[in-house]
Amino acid sequence: MEPFTLAVLGSVVAAEGVRFLYGQATDVLKEWRGRRAASRGDGAGDTVEVPLQESPALDRPTAVTNVDADLLGEVRGDLVTLSAKLSPYALGHEDIDLEDRELAENVNSLRLLLEGLYGVRLTFKGESREKSGTTLDVRQKLEAVHGSAVGVEAGKISKGADVSVQQDVREIGEGGSVTGAKADEIQ
């Protein structure tokens, strides 16, 4: 994979991308701080709810709302540092130089941190990279189904998720059923 550069994005997408990443990191840090103050602890737990905002810089919207709280506890300092480095650009105090390698590294590092926290890809328009969101590929090769076979069963599936189910079934017995994917809710 080629190293990330801002030039591939162009000035408009790069500026929107920096604003998006900075804003998202700021929202995560505010929620973490509020949660920690309310619990008077370290803020750790299963998840922290911080919706992933839509951005015209992303190749498509994602509908993720939860951040891994334990991982956030580990990388919070890096999130603060990278946010501070991007703040002059996000707030419009400095112009974005598309050839600035250090800026590109900081943008990509913040993006990678947020991807890890949310568990999804965040791909900017114009990048040669997998699409934003979550990808789930399921391949089933079944000889015979006499009951029920389901490729993906979930409580919730995000609209931004790519779900691909391939099922190769040799025989479906009487009363048997094969379902690719089912969810209680698509959000």
N, C-alpha and C. Protein backbone atom coordinates (compact mmCIF):
# COMPACT_ATOMS: atom_id res chain seq x y z
N MET A 1 0.84 -1.17 0.00
CA MET A 1 0.00 0.00 0.00
C MET A 1 0.89 1.24 0.00
N GLU A 2 0.51 2.22 -0.80
CA GLU A 2 1.27 3.47 -0.86
C GLU A 2 1.02 4.28 0.40
N PRO A 3 2.00 5.10 0.80
CA PRO A 3 1.79 5.95 1.98
C PRO A 3 0.68 6.96 1.72
N PHE A 4 -0.02 7.31 2.77
CA PHE A 4 -1.11 8.28 2.68
C PHE A 4 -0.55 9.66 2.35
N THR A 5 -1.18 10.33 1.39
CA THR A 5 -0.83 11.72 1.08
C THR A 5 -2.10 12.53 1.00
N LEU A 6 -1.99 13.81 1.30
CA LEU A 6 -3.13 14.70 1.19
C LEU A 6 -3.40 15.08 -0.27
N ALA A 7 -2.36 15.05 -1.09
CA ALA A 7 -2.49 15.47 -2.49
C ALA A 7 -3.51 14.62 -3.24
N VAL A 8 -3.61 13.33 -2.91
CA VAL A 8 -4.56 12.47 -3.60
C VAL A 8 -6.00 12.90 -3.32
N LEU A 9 -6.22 13.58 -2.22
CA LEU A 9 -7.57 14.00 -1.83
C LEU A 9 -7.99 15.30 -2.50
N GLY A 10 -7.02 16.17 -2.76
CA GLY A 10 -7.36 17.51 -3.23
C GLY A 10 -7.63 18.41 -2.04
N SER A 11 -7.61 19.71 -2.28
CA SER A 11 -7.69 20.67 -1.17
C SER A 11 -9.03 20.66 -0.45
N VAL A 12 -10.14 20.50 -1.17
CA VAL A 12 -11.46 20.54 -0.53
C VAL A 12 -11.67 19.33 0.37
N VAL A 13 -11.42 18.13 -0.15
CA VAL A 13 -11.61 16.91 0.64
C VAL A 13 -10.61 16.87 1.80
N ALA A 14 -9.38 17.29 1.56
CA ALA A 14 -8.38 17.31 2.64
C ALA A 14 -8.84 18.22 3.78
N ALA A 15 -9.33 19.40 3.45
CA ALA A 15 -9.79 20.34 4.48
C ALA A 15 -10.99 19.77 5.23
N GLU A 16 -11.95 19.22 4.50
CA GLU A 16 -13.12 18.60 5.13
C GLU A 16 -12.71 17.40 5.99
N GLY A 17 -11.75 16.62 5.49
CA GLY A 17 -11.28 15.46 6.23
C GLY A 17 -10.63 15.84 7.55
N VAL A 18 -9.80 16.88 7.51
CA VAL A 18 -9.14 17.35 8.74
C VAL A 18 -10.19 17.85 9.73
N ARG A 19 -11.16 18.63 9.25
CA ARG A 19 -12.23 19.13 10.13
C ARG A 19 -13.02 17.97 10.74
N PHE A 20 -13.32 16.96 9.91
CA PHE A 20 -14.07 15.80 10.39
C PHE A 20 -13.30 15.06 11.48
N LEU A 21 -12.04 14.73 11.21
CA LEU A 21 -11.24 13.97 12.18
C LEU A 21 -11.07 14.74 13.48
N TYR A 22 -10.77 16.03 13.36
CA TYR A 22 -10.60 16.86 14.55
C TYR A 22 -11.91 16.92 15.35
N GLY A 23 -13.01 17.16 14.65
CA GLY A 23 -14.30 17.24 15.34
C GLY A 23 -14.69 15.94 16.00
N GLN A 24 -14.43 14.83 15.32
CA GLN A 24 -14.78 13.53 15.88
C GLN A 24 -13.93 13.23 17.11
N ALA A 25 -12.64 13.51 17.02
CA ALA A 25 -11.75 13.29 18.17
C ALA A 25 -12.18 14.18 19.34
N THR A 26 -12.54 15.41 19.05
CA THR A 26 -13.00 16.33 20.10
C THR A 26 -14.26 15.79 20.77
N ASP A 27 -15.22 15.30 19.97
CA ASP A 27 -16.44 14.73 20.54
C ASP A 27 -16.14 13.54 21.43
N VAL A 28 -15.24 12.67 20.99
CA VAL A 28 -14.88 11.48 21.77
C VAL A 28 -14.24 11.90 23.09
N LEU A 29 -13.32 12.86 23.03
CA LEU A 29 -12.63 13.30 24.25
C LEU A 29 -13.58 13.99 25.22
N LYS A 30 -14.52 14.79 24.70
CA LYS A 30 -15.51 15.45 25.57
C LYS A 30 -16.38 14.42 26.27
N GLU A 31 -16.85 13.43 25.52
CA GLU A 31 -17.70 12.39 26.11
C GLU A 31 -16.93 11.59 27.16
N TRP A 32 -15.68 11.27 26.85
CA TRP A 32 -14.83 10.54 27.80
C TRP A 32 -14.67 11.33 29.10
N ARG A 33 -14.36 12.62 28.95
CA ARG A 33 -14.16 13.48 30.11
C ARG A 33 -15.44 13.57 30.94
N GLY A 34 -16.58 13.75 30.28
CA GLY A 34 -17.86 13.82 30.98
C GLY A 34 -18.22 12.53 31.68
N ARG A 35 -17.95 11.44 31.03
CA ARG A 35 -18.23 10.13 31.61
C ARG A 35 -17.34 9.88 32.83
N ARG A 36 -16.07 10.25 32.69
CA ARG A 36 -15.13 10.05 33.79
C ARG A 36 -15.51 10.91 34.99
N ALA A 37 -15.91 12.16 34.73
CA ALA A 37 -16.31 13.06 35.82
C ALA A 37 -17.57 12.55 36.51
N ALA A 38 -18.51 12.03 35.74
CA ALA A 38 -19.76 11.54 36.30
C ALA A 38 -19.54 10.30 37.16
N SER A 39 -18.61 9.43 36.75
CA SER A 39 -18.37 8.20 37.50
C SER A 39 -17.29 8.37 38.55
N ARG A 40 -16.55 9.48 38.45
CA ARG A 40 -15.42 9.76 39.32
C ARG A 40 -14.40 8.63 39.30
N GLY A 41 -14.32 7.98 38.14
CA GLY A 41 -13.35 6.89 37.96
C GLY A 41 -12.50 7.18 36.75
N ASP A 42 -12.03 6.11 36.15
CA ASP A 42 -11.15 6.28 34.99
C ASP A 42 -11.91 6.33 33.68
N GLY A 43 -13.24 6.17 33.71
CA GLY A 43 -14.04 6.23 32.50
C GLY A 43 -14.07 4.93 31.73
N ALA A 44 -13.38 3.91 32.21
CA ALA A 44 -13.32 2.64 31.49
C ALA A 44 -14.65 1.91 31.57
N GLY A 45 -14.88 1.05 30.67
CA GLY A 45 -16.10 0.25 30.59
C GLY A 45 -16.17 -0.36 29.21
N ASP A 46 -17.31 -0.88 28.87
CA ASP A 46 -17.45 -1.54 27.57
C ASP A 46 -17.38 -0.57 26.41
N THR A 47 -18.28 0.40 26.40
CA THR A 47 -18.36 1.34 25.27
C THR A 47 -18.66 2.75 25.76
N VAL A 48 -18.32 3.69 24.92
CA VAL A 48 -18.68 5.09 25.12
C VAL A 48 -19.49 5.46 23.88
N GLU A 49 -20.68 6.00 24.08
CA GLU A 49 -21.53 6.33 22.93
C GLU A 49 -21.21 7.72 22.41
N VAL A 50 -20.65 7.76 21.21
CA VAL A 50 -20.33 8.99 20.50
C VAL A 50 -20.61 8.74 19.02
N PRO A 51 -21.74 9.19 18.51
CA PRO A 51 -22.06 8.92 17.10
C PRO A 51 -20.97 9.43 16.17
N LEU A 52 -20.67 8.63 15.16
CA LEU A 52 -19.73 9.02 14.13
C LEU A 52 -20.46 9.97 13.19
N GLN A 53 -19.98 11.20 13.10
CA GLN A 53 -20.64 12.23 12.30
C GLN A 53 -20.48 11.97 10.81
N GLU A 54 -21.45 12.41 10.04
CA GLU A 54 -21.33 12.33 8.59
C GLU A 54 -20.39 13.43 8.13
N SER A 55 -19.69 13.18 7.03
CA SER A 55 -18.77 14.17 6.49
C SER A 55 -18.74 14.06 4.98
N PRO A 56 -18.74 15.19 4.29
CA PRO A 56 -18.60 15.14 2.83
C PRO A 56 -17.23 14.64 2.39
N ALA A 57 -16.29 14.53 3.31
CA ALA A 57 -14.95 14.02 2.97
C ALA A 57 -14.93 12.51 2.86
N LEU A 58 -15.85 11.83 3.54
CA LEU A 58 -15.87 10.37 3.51
C LEU A 58 -16.53 9.86 2.24
N ASP A 59 -16.08 8.70 1.79
CA ASP A 59 -16.63 8.13 0.56
C ASP A 59 -18.07 7.69 0.72
N ARG A 60 -18.51 7.42 1.94
CA ARG A 60 -19.91 7.09 2.21
C ARG A 60 -20.17 7.21 3.71
N PRO A 61 -21.43 7.40 4.08
CA PRO A 61 -21.74 7.55 5.51
C PRO A 61 -21.62 6.24 6.27
N THR A 62 -21.37 6.34 7.54
CA THR A 62 -21.37 5.19 8.44
C THR A 62 -22.32 5.51 9.58
N ALA A 63 -22.85 4.50 10.21
CA ALA A 63 -23.83 4.73 11.27
C ALA A 63 -23.37 4.13 12.59
N VAL A 64 -22.11 4.30 12.89
CA VAL A 64 -21.55 3.73 14.11
C VAL A 64 -21.70 4.74 15.25
N THR A 65 -22.00 4.25 16.44
CA THR A 65 -22.18 5.16 17.57
C THR A 65 -21.33 4.85 18.77
N ASN A 66 -20.68 3.69 18.81
CA ASN A 66 -19.96 3.30 20.02
C ASN A 66 -18.45 3.24 19.82
N VAL A 67 -17.75 3.70 20.85
CA VAL A 67 -16.29 3.68 20.90
C VAL A 67 -15.88 2.67 21.96
N ASP A 68 -14.84 1.92 21.71
CA ASP A 68 -14.31 0.97 22.67
C ASP A 68 -13.68 1.76 23.82
N ALA A 69 -14.31 1.71 24.99
CA ALA A 69 -13.87 2.52 26.13
C ALA A 69 -12.51 2.10 26.67
N ASP A 70 -12.23 0.82 26.68
CA ASP A 70 -10.93 0.36 27.19
C ASP A 70 -9.80 0.83 26.28
N LEU A 71 -10.00 0.70 24.97
CA LEU A 71 -8.99 1.17 24.02
C LEU A 71 -8.84 2.68 24.12
N LEU A 72 -9.95 3.39 24.29
CA LEU A 72 -9.88 4.84 24.45
C LEU A 72 -9.03 5.20 25.66
N GLY A 73 -9.16 4.45 26.74
CA GLY A 73 -8.33 4.71 27.91
C GLY A 73 -6.84 4.58 27.61
N GLU A 74 -6.51 3.66 26.70
CA GLU A 74 -5.11 3.43 26.34
C GLU A 74 -4.56 4.51 25.40
N VAL A 75 -5.39 4.99 24.47
CA VAL A 75 -4.89 5.89 23.42
C VAL A 75 -5.32 7.34 23.60
N ARG A 76 -5.97 7.65 24.70
CA ARG A 76 -6.50 9.00 24.93
C ARG A 76 -5.41 10.07 24.80
N GLY A 77 -4.25 9.82 25.33
CA GLY A 77 -3.15 10.79 25.24
C GLY A 77 -2.74 11.05 23.80
N ASP A 78 -2.68 10.00 22.98
CA ASP A 78 -2.36 10.16 21.56
C ASP A 78 -3.45 10.93 20.84
N LEU A 79 -4.69 10.69 21.22
CA LEU A 79 -5.82 11.39 20.62
C LEU A 79 -5.74 12.89 20.91
N VAL A 80 -5.38 13.22 22.14
CA VAL A 80 -5.22 14.63 22.53
C VAL A 80 -4.08 15.27 21.75
N THR A 81 -2.95 14.59 21.67
CA THR A 81 -1.77 15.13 20.98
C THR A 81 -2.05 15.36 19.49
N LEU A 82 -2.64 14.38 18.83
CA LEU A 82 -2.92 14.51 17.40
C LEU A 82 -3.98 15.57 17.13
N SER A 83 -4.98 15.64 17.98
CA SER A 83 -6.00 16.69 17.83
C SER A 83 -5.38 18.07 17.94
N ALA A 84 -4.48 18.23 18.88
CA ALA A 84 -3.81 19.53 19.06
C ALA A 84 -2.98 19.88 17.82
N LYS A 85 -2.34 18.89 17.21
CA LYS A 85 -1.53 19.16 16.01
C LYS A 85 -2.39 19.55 14.82
N LEU A 86 -3.63 19.05 14.76
CA LEU A 86 -4.51 19.35 13.63
C LEU A 86 -5.41 20.56 13.88
N SER A 87 -5.49 21.02 15.11
CA SER A 87 -6.43 22.11 15.41
C SER A 87 -6.24 23.37 14.58
N PRO A 88 -5.01 23.86 14.30
CA PRO A 88 -4.90 25.07 13.49
C PRO A 88 -5.48 24.91 12.08
N TYR A 89 -5.42 23.71 11.54
CA TYR A 89 -5.94 23.44 10.20
C TYR A 89 -7.46 23.25 10.25
N ALA A 90 -7.92 22.53 11.26
CA ALA A 90 -9.36 22.27 11.40
C ALA A 90 -10.13 23.55 11.69
N LEU A 91 -9.52 24.46 12.43
CA LEU A 91 -10.18 25.71 12.80
C LEU A 91 -9.97 26.81 11.77
N GLY A 92 -9.22 26.53 10.71
CA GLY A 92 -9.02 27.50 9.64
C GLY A 92 -7.97 28.55 9.94
N HIS A 93 -7.13 28.32 10.95
CA HIS A 93 -6.07 29.28 11.29
C HIS A 93 -4.85 29.10 10.41
N GLU A 94 -4.71 27.92 9.82
CA GLU A 94 -3.59 27.61 8.92
C GLU A 94 -4.16 26.97 7.66
N ASP A 95 -3.52 27.25 6.53
CA ASP A 95 -3.90 26.60 5.28
C ASP A 95 -3.27 25.22 5.22
N ILE A 96 -3.97 24.31 4.58
CA ILE A 96 -3.45 22.95 4.42
C ILE A 96 -2.54 22.91 3.20
N ASP A 97 -1.32 22.47 3.42
CA ASP A 97 -0.36 22.27 2.35
C ASP A 97 -0.45 20.79 1.96
N LEU A 98 -0.95 20.52 0.77
CA LEU A 98 -1.15 19.14 0.33
C LEU A 98 0.14 18.34 0.23
N GLU A 99 1.28 19.01 0.21
CA GLU A 99 2.58 18.33 0.11
C GLU A 99 3.26 18.15 1.46
N ASP A 100 2.63 18.62 2.54
CA ASP A 100 3.21 18.55 3.88
C ASP A 100 3.13 17.11 4.41
N ARG A 101 4.26 16.41 4.43
CA ARG A 101 4.29 15.00 4.85
C ARG A 101 3.95 14.83 6.34
N GLU A 102 4.44 15.74 7.16
CA GLU A 102 4.16 15.63 8.60
C GLU A 102 2.66 15.79 8.86
N LEU A 103 2.04 16.75 8.20
CA LEU A 103 0.60 16.94 8.34
C LEU A 103 -0.14 15.69 7.87
N ALA A 104 0.26 15.14 6.74
CA ALA A 104 -0.38 13.91 6.22
C ALA A 104 -0.23 12.77 7.22
N GLU A 105 0.93 12.63 7.83
CA GLU A 105 1.15 11.58 8.83
C GLU A 105 0.25 11.78 10.04
N ASN A 106 0.10 13.03 10.48
CA ASN A 106 -0.77 13.31 11.63
C ASN A 106 -2.24 13.03 11.30
N VAL A 107 -2.66 13.41 10.08
CA VAL A 107 -4.03 13.14 9.65
C VAL A 107 -4.27 11.63 9.62
N ASN A 108 -3.36 10.90 9.02
CA ASN A 108 -3.53 9.46 8.92
C ASN A 108 -3.47 8.79 10.29
N SER A 109 -2.60 9.25 11.16
CA SER A 109 -2.50 8.67 12.51
C SER A 109 -3.79 8.88 13.29
N LEU A 110 -4.36 10.08 13.18
CA LEU A 110 -5.62 10.34 13.88
C LEU A 110 -6.73 9.48 13.28
N ARG A 111 -6.75 9.36 11.97
CA ARG A 111 -7.75 8.51 11.34
C ARG A 111 -7.62 7.07 11.82
N LEU A 112 -6.40 6.54 11.85
CA LEU A 112 -6.19 5.16 12.30
C LEU A 112 -6.63 4.96 13.74
N LEU A 113 -6.38 5.95 14.59
CA LEU A 113 -6.84 5.86 15.99
C LEU A 113 -8.37 5.79 16.04
N LEU A 114 -9.03 6.67 15.29
CA LEU A 114 -10.49 6.67 15.29
C LEU A 114 -11.05 5.39 14.68
N GLU A 115 -10.39 4.87 13.64
CA GLU A 115 -10.83 3.59 13.07
C GLU A 115 -10.75 2.48 14.11
N GLY A 116 -9.68 2.46 14.88
CA GLY A 116 -9.54 1.46 15.93
C GLY A 116 -10.59 1.61 17.01
N LEU A 117 -10.87 2.84 17.40
CA LEU A 117 -11.86 3.09 18.45
C LEU A 117 -13.27 2.70 18.02
N TYR A 118 -13.61 3.01 16.78
CA TYR A 118 -14.95 2.72 16.28
C TYR A 118 -15.07 1.33 15.64
N GLY A 119 -13.94 0.75 15.27
CA GLY A 119 -13.97 -0.56 14.64
C GLY A 119 -14.48 -0.53 13.20
N VAL A 120 -14.27 0.59 12.51
CA VAL A 120 -14.68 0.73 11.11
C VAL A 120 -13.59 1.46 10.33
N ARG A 121 -13.63 1.32 9.01
CA ARG A 121 -12.74 2.10 8.15
C ARG A 121 -13.34 3.47 7.90
N LEU A 122 -12.47 4.46 7.77
CA LEU A 122 -12.87 5.83 7.42
C LEU A 122 -12.06 6.20 6.18
N THR A 123 -12.67 6.05 5.03
CA THR A 123 -11.99 6.28 3.76
C THR A 123 -12.46 7.59 3.16
N PHE A 124 -11.50 8.41 2.74
CA PHE A 124 -11.82 9.69 2.14
C PHE A 124 -12.09 9.51 0.65
N LYS A 125 -12.90 10.41 0.11
CA LYS A 125 -13.17 10.40 -1.33
C LYS A 125 -11.86 10.56 -2.08
N GLY A 126 -11.68 9.76 -3.12
CA GLY A 126 -10.49 9.84 -3.94
C GLY A 126 -9.39 8.88 -3.55
N GLU A 127 -9.53 8.20 -2.42
CA GLU A 127 -8.51 7.25 -1.99
C GLU A 127 -8.72 5.88 -2.62
N SER A 128 -7.62 5.18 -2.86
CA SER A 128 -7.67 3.79 -3.30
C SER A 128 -7.55 2.94 -2.05
N ARG A 129 -8.68 2.71 -1.41
CA ARG A 129 -8.72 2.03 -0.13
C ARG A 129 -10.10 1.39 0.00
N GLU A 130 -10.22 0.39 0.85
CA GLU A 130 -11.55 -0.19 1.06
C GLU A 130 -12.51 0.89 1.54
N LYS A 131 -13.79 0.72 1.18
CA LYS A 131 -14.82 1.70 1.52
C LYS A 131 -14.97 1.88 3.02
N SER A 132 -15.48 3.05 3.40
CA SER A 132 -15.77 3.33 4.81
C SER A 132 -16.81 2.35 5.32
N GLY A 133 -16.73 2.08 6.60
CA GLY A 133 -17.71 1.21 7.24
C GLY A 133 -17.11 -0.13 7.62
N THR A 134 -17.99 -1.08 7.80
CA THR A 134 -17.61 -2.42 8.23
C THR A 134 -17.88 -3.40 7.10
N THR A 135 -17.00 -4.35 6.92
CA THR A 135 -17.19 -5.39 5.92
C THR A 135 -17.26 -6.74 6.62
N LEU A 136 -18.26 -7.50 6.24
CA LEU A 136 -18.42 -8.85 6.79
C LEU A 136 -18.63 -9.79 5.62
N ASP A 137 -17.71 -10.70 5.41
CA ASP A 137 -17.80 -11.70 4.35
C ASP A 137 -17.99 -13.07 4.97
N VAL A 138 -19.07 -13.74 4.58
CA VAL A 138 -19.35 -15.07 5.08
C VAL A 138 -19.49 -16.01 3.90
N ARG A 139 -18.78 -17.11 3.98
CA ARG A 139 -18.87 -18.14 2.95
C ARG A 139 -19.18 -19.47 3.63
N GLN A 140 -20.28 -20.08 3.22
CA GLN A 140 -20.68 -21.36 3.80
C GLN A 140 -20.76 -22.40 2.70
N LYS A 141 -20.15 -23.53 2.94
CA LYS A 141 -20.27 -24.67 2.04
C LYS A 141 -20.86 -25.80 2.87
N LEU A 142 -22.11 -26.12 2.56
CA LEU A 142 -22.86 -27.08 3.37
C LEU A 142 -23.28 -28.27 2.51
N GLU A 143 -23.10 -29.45 3.04
CA GLU A 143 -23.52 -30.66 2.32
C GLU A 143 -25.04 -30.78 2.35
N ALA A 144 -25.61 -30.79 3.56
CA ALA A 144 -27.06 -30.96 3.70
C ALA A 144 -27.56 -30.12 4.86
N VAL A 145 -28.72 -29.51 4.65
CA VAL A 145 -29.36 -28.72 5.69
C VAL A 145 -30.73 -29.33 5.96
N HIS A 146 -30.92 -29.77 7.21
CA HIS A 146 -32.21 -30.36 7.59
C HIS A 146 -32.93 -29.47 8.59
N GLY A 147 -32.24 -28.49 9.11
CA GLY A 147 -32.83 -27.52 10.03
C GLY A 147 -32.73 -26.14 9.40
N SER A 148 -32.10 -25.26 10.12
CA SER A 148 -31.96 -23.88 9.65
C SER A 148 -30.48 -23.51 9.57
N ALA A 149 -30.09 -22.89 8.47
CA ALA A 149 -28.71 -22.39 8.32
C ALA A 149 -28.80 -20.91 8.01
N VAL A 150 -28.10 -20.12 8.81
CA VAL A 150 -28.11 -18.66 8.64
C VAL A 150 -26.66 -18.19 8.51
N GLY A 151 -26.40 -17.40 7.47
CA GLY A 151 -25.04 -16.88 7.27
C GLY A 151 -24.68 -15.81 8.28
N VAL A 152 -25.56 -14.82 8.47
CA VAL A 152 -25.34 -13.74 9.43
C VAL A 152 -26.64 -13.48 10.16
N GLU A 153 -26.59 -13.50 11.48
CA GLU A 153 -27.74 -13.14 12.30
C GLU A 153 -27.26 -12.11 13.30
N ALA A 154 -27.92 -10.96 13.31
CA ALA A 154 -27.46 -9.86 14.17
C ALA A 154 -28.64 -9.11 14.76
N GLY A 155 -28.40 -8.50 15.90
CA GLY A 155 -29.39 -7.62 16.49
C GLY A 155 -29.53 -6.36 15.65
N LYS A 156 -28.37 -5.76 15.29
CA LYS A 156 -28.36 -4.54 14.48
C LYS A 156 -27.31 -4.67 13.39
N ILE A 157 -27.64 -4.19 12.22
CA ILE A 157 -26.67 -4.07 11.13
C ILE A 157 -26.70 -2.62 10.68
N SER A 158 -25.54 -2.01 10.63
CA SER A 158 -25.41 -0.63 10.20
C SER A 158 -25.66 -0.51 8.70
N LYS A 159 -26.35 0.58 8.28
CA LYS A 159 -26.58 0.81 6.86
C LYS A 159 -25.26 0.95 6.10
N GLY A 160 -24.21 1.37 6.77
CA GLY A 160 -22.92 1.54 6.13
C GLY A 160 -22.11 0.27 6.03
N ALA A 161 -22.64 -0.84 6.54
CA ALA A 161 -21.89 -2.09 6.52
C ALA A 161 -22.04 -2.80 5.18
N ASP A 162 -20.96 -3.41 4.74
CA ASP A 162 -20.99 -4.29 3.57
C ASP A 162 -21.11 -5.71 4.10
N VAL A 163 -22.23 -6.33 3.83
CA VAL A 163 -22.44 -7.71 4.26
C VAL A 163 -22.56 -8.57 3.02
N SER A 164 -21.67 -9.52 2.91
CA SER A 164 -21.67 -10.42 1.76
C SER A 164 -21.76 -11.85 2.28
N VAL A 165 -22.78 -12.57 1.81
CA VAL A 165 -22.95 -13.96 2.23
C VAL A 165 -23.03 -14.82 0.98
N GLN A 166 -22.15 -15.80 0.91
CA GLN A 166 -22.18 -16.78 -0.17
C GLN A 166 -22.44 -18.14 0.46
N GLN A 167 -23.50 -18.77 -0.01
CA GLN A 167 -23.86 -20.07 0.53
C GLN A 167 -23.94 -21.09 -0.60
N ASP A 168 -23.23 -22.17 -0.43
CA ASP A 168 -23.24 -23.27 -1.39
C ASP A 168 -23.79 -24.48 -0.64
N VAL A 169 -25.03 -24.83 -0.97
CA VAL A 169 -25.70 -25.92 -0.27
C VAL A 169 -26.01 -27.02 -1.27
N ARG A 170 -25.55 -28.21 -0.98
CA ARG A 170 -25.79 -29.34 -1.88
C ARG A 170 -27.22 -29.84 -1.77
N GLU A 171 -27.75 -29.93 -0.54
CA GLU A 171 -29.09 -30.48 -0.35
C GLU A 171 -29.80 -29.76 0.80
N ILE A 172 -31.05 -29.39 0.56
CA ILE A 172 -31.89 -28.82 1.62
C ILE A 172 -33.00 -29.82 1.87
N GLY A 173 -32.99 -30.41 3.06
CA GLY A 173 -33.98 -31.42 3.41
C GLY A 173 -35.35 -30.81 3.66
N GLU A 174 -36.34 -31.69 3.80
CA GLU A 174 -37.70 -31.25 4.06
C GLU A 174 -37.74 -30.44 5.36
N GLY A 175 -38.32 -29.28 5.30
CA GLY A 175 -38.40 -28.40 6.47
C GLY A 175 -37.13 -27.61 6.70
N GLY A 176 -36.11 -27.82 5.89
CA GLY A 176 -34.86 -27.08 6.03
C GLY A 176 -34.96 -25.69 5.41
N SER A 177 -34.14 -24.79 5.89
CA SER A 177 -34.13 -23.44 5.33
C SER A 177 -32.71 -22.87 5.37
N VAL A 178 -32.43 -22.03 4.38
CA VAL A 178 -31.13 -21.38 4.30
C VAL A 178 -31.40 -19.88 4.14
N THR A 179 -30.82 -19.09 5.05
CA THR A 179 -31.01 -17.64 5.03
C THR A 179 -29.64 -16.99 4.97
N GLY A 180 -29.48 -16.03 4.09
CA GLY A 180 -28.20 -15.33 3.97
C GLY A 180 -27.92 -14.46 5.18
N ALA A 181 -28.81 -13.50 5.44
CA ALA A 181 -28.61 -12.58 6.57
C ALA A 181 -29.95 -12.15 7.12
N LYS A 182 -30.01 -11.99 8.43
CA LYS A 182 -31.21 -11.44 9.06
C LYS A 182 -30.77 -10.62 10.26
N ALA A 183 -31.54 -9.55 10.47
CA ALA A 183 -31.24 -8.64 11.59
C ALA A 183 -32.54 -8.14 12.19
N ASP A 184 -32.50 -7.87 13.48
CA ASP A 184 -33.67 -7.29 14.15
C ASP A 184 -33.87 -5.84 13.72
N GLU A 185 -32.74 -5.17 13.44
CA GLU A 185 -32.80 -3.74 13.13
C GLU A 185 -31.67 -3.37 12.18
N ILE A 186 -31.99 -2.54 11.20
CA ILE A 186 -30.96 -1.96 10.34
C ILE A 186 -30.96 -0.48 10.63
N GLN A 187 -29.81 0.02 11.09
CA GLN A 187 -29.73 1.45 11.47
C GLN A 187 -28.77 2.18 10.61
